[in-house]
Amino acid sequence: MQAIIDLAEKTLLIERNGFLKVSGSIDTHVYYVESGSLRVYFFDGEEEQIIRFGYSGNLLVSMDSFLSGKPSECAIQAIKKTVVRIITKQKLDTYLNTQPNQDFWKSILENTILQQLEREMDILTQIPGERYQRVLKRSPRLFQEIPHRYIANYLRMTPETLSRLKKS
């Protein structure tokens, strides 16, 4: 992982509520979160739908745009003051042109797919308590890094329901 982080050409400070990426833009970067936290979301009609978080020590990417070269409906916004290191697709592609590095990238992509599958299963779970327990078990640090109103949106429940579940 450190070798990927070392590919970063610049560091960016994003103020709270500032955008790293806006909806409708093409993104050709991978971001390493040094500090702070971010949310990846899109608008579903009139409501924001959070699909991912990034916080200290995470790699974050607008995967659809990064892989396709097309605009993404997703936005990436800072939840609190955040510092990211920016790795360009060109630098990453050059680095990955050797076989051992291709294996590393393949493992990152496989892990991302598995995380997405878990996320889809979380959303399809009908009972809010089960959604909460699945995410708590998988990502306990999430509850320390991210404000509960965002976690509630991510879990597709009201903040009051999340609060009630946390108490029980």
Protein backbone atom coordinates (compact mmCIF):
# COMPACT_ATOMS: atom_id res chain seq x y z
CA MET A 1 0.00 0.00 0.00
CA GLN A 2 2.81 2.42 0.84
CA ALA A 3 4.16 2.11 -2.71
CA ILE A 4 0.77 3.27 -4.05
CA ILE A 5 0.67 6.19 -1.61
CA ASP A 6 4.19 7.19 -2.65
CA LEU A 7 2.89 7.73 -6.21
CA ALA A 8 0.95 10.78 -5.02
CA GLU A 9 2.08 13.96 -6.72
CA LYS A 10 0.27 16.41 -4.51
CA THR A 11 -1.63 16.80 -1.29
CA LEU A 12 -4.93 18.62 -1.04
CA LEU A 13 -6.70 20.12 1.97
CA ILE A 14 -10.48 20.07 1.69
CA GLU A 15 -12.47 22.15 4.15
CA ARG A 16 -15.55 20.72 5.85
CA ASN A 17 -18.39 20.37 3.30
CA GLY A 18 -15.97 21.07 0.45
CA PHE A 19 -16.01 18.87 -2.64
CA LEU A 20 -13.23 16.63 -3.85
CA LYS A 21 -15.35 15.67 -6.86
CA VAL A 22 -18.70 16.94 -8.10
CA SER A 23 -21.45 14.95 -9.76
CA GLY A 24 -21.21 14.87 -13.55
CA SER A 25 -17.44 15.11 -13.66
CA ILE A 26 -14.83 12.66 -14.91
CA ASP A 27 -12.37 11.52 -12.26
CA THR A 28 -8.97 10.09 -13.12
CA HIS A 29 -7.51 10.03 -9.63
CA VAL A 30 -7.21 7.74 -6.65
CA TYR A 31 -7.21 9.46 -3.28
CA TYR A 32 -5.43 8.38 -0.13
CA VAL A 33 -7.08 9.88 2.94
CA GLU A 34 -4.39 11.07 5.35
CA SER A 35 -6.82 12.61 7.81
CA GLY A 36 -10.45 13.60 8.03
CA SER A 37 -13.40 11.88 6.39
CA LEU A 38 -15.33 11.94 3.13
CA ARG A 39 -18.60 10.61 1.80
CA VAL A 40 -19.42 9.37 -1.68
CA TYR A 41 -23.04 9.98 -2.62
CA PHE A 42 -25.47 10.62 -5.44
CA PHE A 43 -28.94 12.14 -5.68
CA ASP A 44 -31.82 9.70 -6.03
CA GLY A 45 -34.57 12.06 -7.09
CA GLU A 46 -34.51 14.64 -4.34
CA GLU A 47 -32.62 12.70 -1.67
CA GLU A 48 -28.90 12.08 -1.18
CA GLN A 49 -27.90 8.42 -1.07
CA ILE A 50 -24.55 7.75 0.59
CA ILE A 51 -22.82 4.73 -0.86
CA ARG A 52 -19.34 4.86 0.66
CA PHE A 53 -17.15 6.58 3.22
CA GLY A 54 -13.44 7.24 3.34
CA TYR A 55 -11.41 8.14 6.39
CA SER A 56 -7.81 8.11 7.57
CA GLY A 57 -5.85 5.28 5.97
CA ASN A 58 -8.38 4.55 3.19
CA LEU A 59 -8.02 4.69 -0.56
CA LEU A 60 -11.04 6.28 -2.20
CA VAL A 61 -11.94 6.51 -5.87
CA SER A 62 -14.94 7.29 -8.01
CA MET A 63 -14.59 3.79 -9.43
CA ASP A 64 -17.14 4.07 -12.23
CA SER A 65 -15.53 7.18 -13.69
CA PHE A 66 -11.97 6.05 -13.00
CA LEU A 67 -12.44 2.79 -14.90
CA SER A 68 -14.72 4.01 -17.71
CA GLY A 69 -13.38 7.52 -18.30
CA LYS A 70 -16.97 8.75 -18.28
CA PRO A 71 -18.70 11.24 -15.96
CA SER A 72 -20.02 9.84 -12.69
CA GLU A 73 -23.25 10.70 -10.92
CA CYS A 74 -21.37 10.46 -7.63
CA ALA A 75 -19.93 13.34 -5.66
CA ILE A 76 -17.20 13.11 -3.05
CA GLN A 77 -17.58 15.61 -0.20
CA ALA A 78 -15.60 16.22 2.97
CA ILE A 79 -17.51 15.53 6.17
CA LYS A 80 -14.84 17.33 8.15
CA LYS A 81 -11.56 19.01 7.26
CA THR A 82 -9.72 16.38 5.23
CA VAL A 83 -6.26 15.92 3.78
CA VAL A 84 -5.90 13.65 0.74
CA ARG A 85 -2.95 12.62 -1.35
CA ILE A 86 -3.76 12.55 -5.06
CA ILE A 87 -2.55 9.72 -7.28
CA THR A 88 -3.13 10.13 -11.01
CA LYS A 89 -4.40 7.30 -13.18
CA GLN A 90 -1.36 7.73 -15.43
CA LYS A 91 1.07 7.26 -12.51
CA LEU A 92 -0.90 4.30 -11.23
CA ASP A 93 -1.07 2.67 -14.68
CA THR A 94 2.70 3.04 -15.13
CA TYR A 95 3.30 1.51 -11.71
CA LEU A 96 0.92 -1.38 -12.40
CA ASN A 97 2.59 -2.36 -15.68
CA THR A 98 4.74 -4.92 -13.89
CA GLN A 99 3.28 -8.32 -13.03
CA PRO A 100 3.69 -8.18 -9.22
CA ASN A 101 1.97 -4.80 -9.18
CA GLN A 102 -0.82 -6.08 -11.41
CA ASP A 103 -1.47 -8.78 -8.83
CA PHE A 104 -1.67 -6.09 -6.13
CA TRP A 105 -4.17 -4.06 -8.20
CA LYS A 106 -6.19 -7.20 -8.90
CA SER A 107 -6.43 -7.84 -5.15
CA ILE A 108 -7.62 -4.25 -4.59
CA LEU A 109 -10.30 -4.62 -7.27
CA GLU A 110 -11.39 -8.01 -5.89
CA ASN A 111 -11.66 -6.51 -2.41
CA THR A 112 -13.69 -3.60 -3.78
CA ILE A 113 -16.10 -6.00 -5.48
CA LEU A 114 -16.51 -8.00 -2.28
CA GLN A 115 -17.18 -4.81 -0.32
CA GLN A 116 -19.79 -3.78 -2.87
CA LEU A 117 -21.49 -7.16 -2.61
CA GLU A 118 -21.59 -6.84 1.19
CA ARG A 119 -23.03 -3.34 0.79
CA GLU A 120 -25.76 -4.59 -1.54
CA MET A 121 -26.62 -7.34 0.92
CA ASP A 122 -26.79 -4.75 3.72
CA ILE A 123 -29.28 -2.64 1.76
CA LEU A 124 -31.41 -5.64 0.82
CA THR A 125 -31.66 -6.79 4.44
CA GLN A 126 -35.17 -5.79 5.46
CA ILE A 127 -34.64 -5.44 9.19
CA PRO A 128 -32.83 -2.23 10.24
CA GLY A 129 -31.27 -3.94 13.26
CA GLU A 130 -29.63 -6.53 11.02
CA ARG A 131 -28.27 -3.82 8.69
CA TYR A 132 -26.83 -2.02 11.69
CA GLN A 133 -25.24 -5.20 13.12
CA ARG A 134 -23.72 -6.21 9.77
CA VAL A 135 -22.03 -2.83 9.29
CA LEU A 136 -20.97 -2.59 12.95
CA LYS A 137 -19.32 -6.01 12.72
CA ARG A 138 -17.64 -5.28 9.39
CA SER A 139 -16.59 -1.67 10.06
CA PRO A 140 -16.62 -0.75 13.77
CA ARG A 141 -14.29 2.19 13.11
CA LEU A 142 -16.98 3.75 10.90
CA PHE A 143 -19.00 4.55 14.02
CA GLN A 144 -16.02 6.42 15.51
CA GLU A 145 -15.12 8.38 12.38
CA ILE A 146 -18.45 9.32 10.77
CA PRO A 147 -21.34 11.36 12.24
CA HIS A 148 -24.41 9.23 12.91
CA ARG A 149 -26.70 11.17 10.59
CA TYR A 150 -24.53 10.09 7.65
CA ILE A 151 -24.36 6.50 8.88
CA ALA A 152 -28.16 6.48 9.16
CA ASN A 153 -28.44 7.59 5.53
CA TYR A 154 -25.92 4.94 4.49
CA LEU A 155 -27.99 2.30 6.33
CA ARG A 156 -31.23 3.64 4.80
CA MET A 157 -32.84 4.47 8.12
CA THR A 158 -33.68 7.57 10.12
CA PRO A 159 -31.19 8.95 12.64
CA GLU A 160 -33.77 8.18 15.34
CA THR A 161 -33.90 4.51 14.33
CA LEU A 162 -30.09 4.31 14.38
CA SER A 163 -30.01 5.94 17.82
CA ARG A 164 -32.58 3.47 19.11
CA LEU A 165 -30.60 0.52 17.71
CA LYS A 166 -27.38 1.75 19.28
CA LYS A 167 -29.05 1.94 22.69
CA SER A 168 -30.41 -1.62 22.55
